[in-house]
Amino acid sequence: MRSLLTNPLGKAGSTIKAHAVPVPPDSVLAPLYVGADLLDAYAVHLPSGTNDDLEVLARAGFEQQAWWIRALTRVRDVVMATVGVKSSRAVGVAAAAQGPVIGFFPLLSKSARELVMGADDRHLDFRLAILLRADTAGGRELVVVTVVHCHNWLGRTYLAVITPFHRVIASASLEQAARATSANNSTRLGRL
């Protein structure tokens, strides 16, 4: 079975791997960093020829997720329904009635350099920024920043349970975006 981290072309040495990075101080989310219950950032190097459209990159990462991410989301929805928290589908449907949605996340703002998604609920407020920036090697990288502020014990408990999964999902979503929007796939994805 081919590794999930290999380039779609299967070229040797062309793995796409996300890694933790310091939170970018120039993100529009920076004012929310103070007092956050969860604050992290991950980045992935974008192969040459990768699509530059942040919305295309975000859709590739958050709408074409692996089966195991979809399964974990279903488990989350079932468990959280027992305490009255909206399902991911309900969040997405409500958001879509008011504007664009990526995956099930409401799209809150978009610029050429940064896209912000998120939602507020009774247990926590969640923001996710996706930034496109130059990397240290002179190429480009895609960065995902997550900021969560909990409101009560339910939010803190939920966050404690999902944080290990969040870290893996954030990295996997970045890797998926980089792989799916490489030069050979960007024409197809540009039509989404």
Protein backbone atom coordinates (compact mmCIF):
# COMPACT_ATOMS: atom_id res chain seq x y z
CA MET A 1 0.00 0.00 0.00
CA ARG A 2 1.38 3.40 -0.96
CA SER A 3 2.12 5.75 1.94
CA LEU A 4 -0.37 8.54 2.47
CA LEU A 5 2.54 10.97 2.57
CA THR A 6 4.02 10.29 -0.84
CA ASN A 7 3.65 12.61 -3.74
CA PRO A 8 0.78 11.61 -6.05
CA LEU A 9 3.38 11.14 -8.77
CA GLY A 10 5.24 8.66 -6.55
CA LYS A 11 8.63 10.30 -7.14
CA ALA A 12 11.35 9.30 -4.70
CA GLY A 13 12.24 11.93 -2.12
CA SER A 14 9.05 13.88 -2.70
CA THR A 15 7.26 13.30 0.58
CA ILE A 16 4.91 15.94 1.85
CA LYS A 17 5.05 16.18 5.64
CA ALA A 18 3.47 18.79 7.90
CA HIS A 19 5.22 19.94 11.06
CA ALA A 20 4.51 22.14 14.07
CA VAL A 21 5.62 25.77 13.78
CA PRO A 22 5.40 28.84 16.03
CA VAL A 23 2.10 30.67 15.68
CA PRO A 24 2.49 33.47 13.13
CA PRO A 25 2.45 36.89 14.82
CA ASP A 26 1.07 38.49 11.64
CA SER A 27 -2.12 36.39 11.45
CA VAL A 28 -5.41 38.23 11.76
CA LEU A 29 -6.09 35.81 14.64
CA ALA A 30 -3.13 37.15 16.69
CA PRO A 31 -5.38 39.24 19.00
CA LEU A 32 -7.13 35.98 19.97
CA TYR A 33 -3.90 34.24 21.03
CA VAL A 34 -4.00 35.74 24.54
CA GLY A 35 -5.76 33.41 26.95
CA ALA A 36 -6.47 30.73 24.34
CA ASP A 37 -7.23 27.25 25.64
CA LEU A 38 -5.74 25.79 22.47
CA LEU A 39 -3.28 27.61 20.25
CA ASP A 40 -1.16 25.83 17.68
CA ALA A 41 0.15 26.07 14.15
CA TYR A 42 1.32 23.55 11.56
CA ALA A 43 2.96 24.11 8.19
CA VAL A 44 3.66 22.13 5.05
CA HIS A 45 6.01 22.98 2.19
CA LEU A 46 4.08 23.36 -1.06
CA PRO A 47 5.57 21.61 -4.08
CA SER A 48 6.48 23.76 -7.06
CA GLY A 49 3.44 24.39 -9.23
CA THR A 50 0.94 24.06 -6.39
CA ASN A 51 -2.19 26.15 -6.71
CA ASP A 52 -1.91 29.56 -4.93
CA ASP A 53 -5.63 30.04 -4.30
CA LEU A 54 -6.21 29.76 -0.54
CA GLU A 55 -9.81 28.71 -0.97
CA VAL A 56 -8.82 25.90 -3.35
CA LEU A 57 -6.12 24.80 -0.89
CA ALA A 58 -8.55 24.93 2.06
CA ARG A 59 -11.22 22.97 0.19
CA ALA A 60 -8.65 20.33 -0.79
CA GLY A 61 -7.61 19.96 2.84
CA PHE A 62 -10.99 20.13 4.55
CA GLU A 63 -13.48 18.78 2.01
CA GLN A 64 -11.50 15.79 0.70
CA GLN A 65 -10.57 14.31 4.05
CA ALA A 66 -9.39 10.76 4.65
CA TRP A 67 -11.91 8.11 5.71
CA TRP A 68 -10.51 8.01 9.25
CA ILE A 69 -11.06 11.75 9.71
CA ARG A 70 -14.65 11.42 8.50
CA ALA A 71 -15.12 8.47 10.91
CA LEU A 72 -13.71 10.45 13.86
CA THR A 73 -16.03 13.35 12.98
CA ARG A 74 -19.03 11.01 13.01
CA VAL A 75 -17.99 9.68 16.43
CA ARG A 76 -17.60 13.26 17.69
CA ASP A 77 -21.06 14.15 16.41
CA VAL A 78 -22.73 11.16 18.08
CA VAL A 79 -21.00 11.69 21.43
CA MET A 80 -21.52 15.46 21.51
CA ALA A 81 -25.21 15.13 20.60
CA THR A 82 -25.72 13.54 24.03
CA VAL A 83 -24.84 16.88 25.67
CA GLY A 84 -26.69 19.07 23.18
CA VAL A 85 -23.75 20.26 21.05
CA LYS A 86 -24.44 20.78 17.35
CA SER A 87 -23.19 18.17 14.91
CA SER A 88 -20.67 19.14 12.25
CA ARG A 89 -23.44 18.77 9.67
CA ALA A 90 -25.74 21.11 11.64
CA VAL A 91 -22.95 23.68 11.96
CA GLY A 92 -22.30 23.46 8.21
CA VAL A 93 -25.98 23.69 7.23
CA ALA A 94 -26.58 26.70 9.48
CA ALA A 95 -23.44 28.40 8.18
CA ALA A 96 -24.27 27.67 4.53
CA ALA A 97 -27.59 29.49 4.99
CA GLN A 98 -25.59 32.62 5.83
CA GLY A 99 -22.60 32.37 3.49
CA PRO A 100 -19.77 30.22 2.17
CA VAL A 101 -18.65 27.09 3.97
CA ILE A 102 -15.46 25.04 3.63
CA GLY A 103 -16.08 21.51 4.81
CA PHE A 104 -18.52 22.28 7.60
CA PHE A 105 -16.65 25.39 8.76
CA PRO A 106 -18.14 28.82 8.08
CA LEU A 107 -15.79 30.99 5.99
CA LEU A 108 -15.42 34.20 8.00
CA SER A 109 -12.88 36.16 5.93
CA LYS A 110 -10.53 35.78 3.00
CA SER A 111 -7.63 37.79 1.65
CA ALA A 112 -4.92 36.86 -0.84
CA ARG A 113 -2.69 35.77 2.05
CA GLU A 114 -5.05 34.45 4.75
CA LEU A 115 -8.38 32.69 5.02
CA VAL A 116 -10.27 32.42 8.33
CA MET A 117 -12.93 29.88 9.24
CA GLY A 118 -14.66 29.25 12.53
CA ALA A 119 -17.75 29.06 14.66
CA ASP A 120 -18.95 29.99 18.12
CA ASP A 121 -20.96 27.62 20.26
CA ARG A 122 -22.08 27.51 23.86
CA HIS A 123 -19.09 25.39 24.91
CA LEU A 124 -16.29 27.07 22.91
CA ASP A 125 -15.31 29.48 20.15
CA PHE A 126 -13.13 28.06 17.40
CA ARG A 127 -11.05 29.86 14.75
CA LEU A 128 -8.85 28.39 12.07
CA ALA A 129 -6.63 30.51 9.82
CA ILE A 130 -4.91 29.25 6.70
CA LEU A 131 -1.96 31.34 5.55
CA LEU A 132 0.21 31.17 2.46
CA ARG A 133 3.74 32.47 3.04
CA ALA A 134 7.35 32.13 1.96
CA ASP A 135 9.22 29.33 3.72
CA THR A 136 12.81 29.35 4.95
CA ALA A 137 14.06 27.58 1.82
CA GLY A 138 12.72 30.28 -0.51
CA GLY A 139 9.67 28.27 -1.50
CA ARG A 140 6.12 28.51 -0.24
CA GLU A 141 4.37 26.92 2.71
CA LEU A 142 0.80 26.56 3.83
CA VAL A 143 0.21 27.23 7.53
CA VAL A 144 -2.84 26.34 9.61
CA VAL A 145 -3.38 28.19 12.90
CA THR A 146 -5.99 27.03 15.41
CA VAL A 147 -7.30 29.15 18.28
CA VAL A 148 -9.91 27.88 20.74
CA HIS A 149 -11.44 29.68 23.71
CA CYS A 150 -13.54 27.52 26.05
CA HIS A 151 -16.56 28.90 27.90
CA ASN A 152 -17.25 26.20 30.46
CA TRP A 153 -16.40 22.71 31.76
CA LEU A 154 -17.98 21.12 28.68
CA GLY A 155 -15.66 23.08 26.38
CA ARG A 156 -12.59 22.28 28.46
CA THR A 157 -13.50 18.57 28.66
CA TYR A 158 -14.23 18.41 24.94
CA LEU A 159 -10.95 20.12 24.15
CA ALA A 160 -8.95 17.79 26.39
CA VAL A 161 -10.42 14.77 24.59
CA ILE A 162 -10.05 16.01 21.02
CA THR A 163 -6.68 17.79 21.19
CA PRO A 164 -4.55 14.72 20.33
CA PHE A 165 -6.85 14.00 17.38
CA HIS A 166 -6.84 17.66 16.36
CA ARG A 167 -3.04 17.64 16.04
CA VAL A 168 -3.07 14.63 13.72
CA ILE A 169 -6.03 15.92 11.70
CA ALA A 170 -4.52 19.41 11.25
CA SER A 171 -1.29 17.90 9.90
CA ALA A 172 -3.12 15.40 7.69
CA SER A 173 -5.38 18.12 6.27
CA LEU A 174 -2.37 20.26 5.35
CA GLU A 175 -0.65 17.31 3.70
CA GLN A 176 -3.83 16.52 1.77
CA ALA A 177 -4.09 20.12 0.53
CA ALA A 178 -0.46 20.12 -0.64
CA ARG A 179 -0.76 16.76 -2.41
CA ALA A 180 -4.14 17.40 -3.99
CA THR A 181 -3.26 20.81 -5.38
CA SER A 182 0.14 19.97 -6.84
CA ALA A 183 0.78 20.91 -10.48
CA ASN A 184 -0.92 17.83 -11.91
CA ASN A 185 -4.07 18.29 -9.84
CA SER A 186 -4.48 22.06 -9.68
CA THR A 187 -6.37 22.34 -12.97
CA ARG A 188 -8.99 19.84 -11.82
CA LEU A 189 -9.30 21.43 -8.36
CA GLY A 190 -9.47 24.94 -9.79
CA ARG A 191 -12.87 24.00 -11.22
CA LEU A 192 -14.34 23.14 -7.77
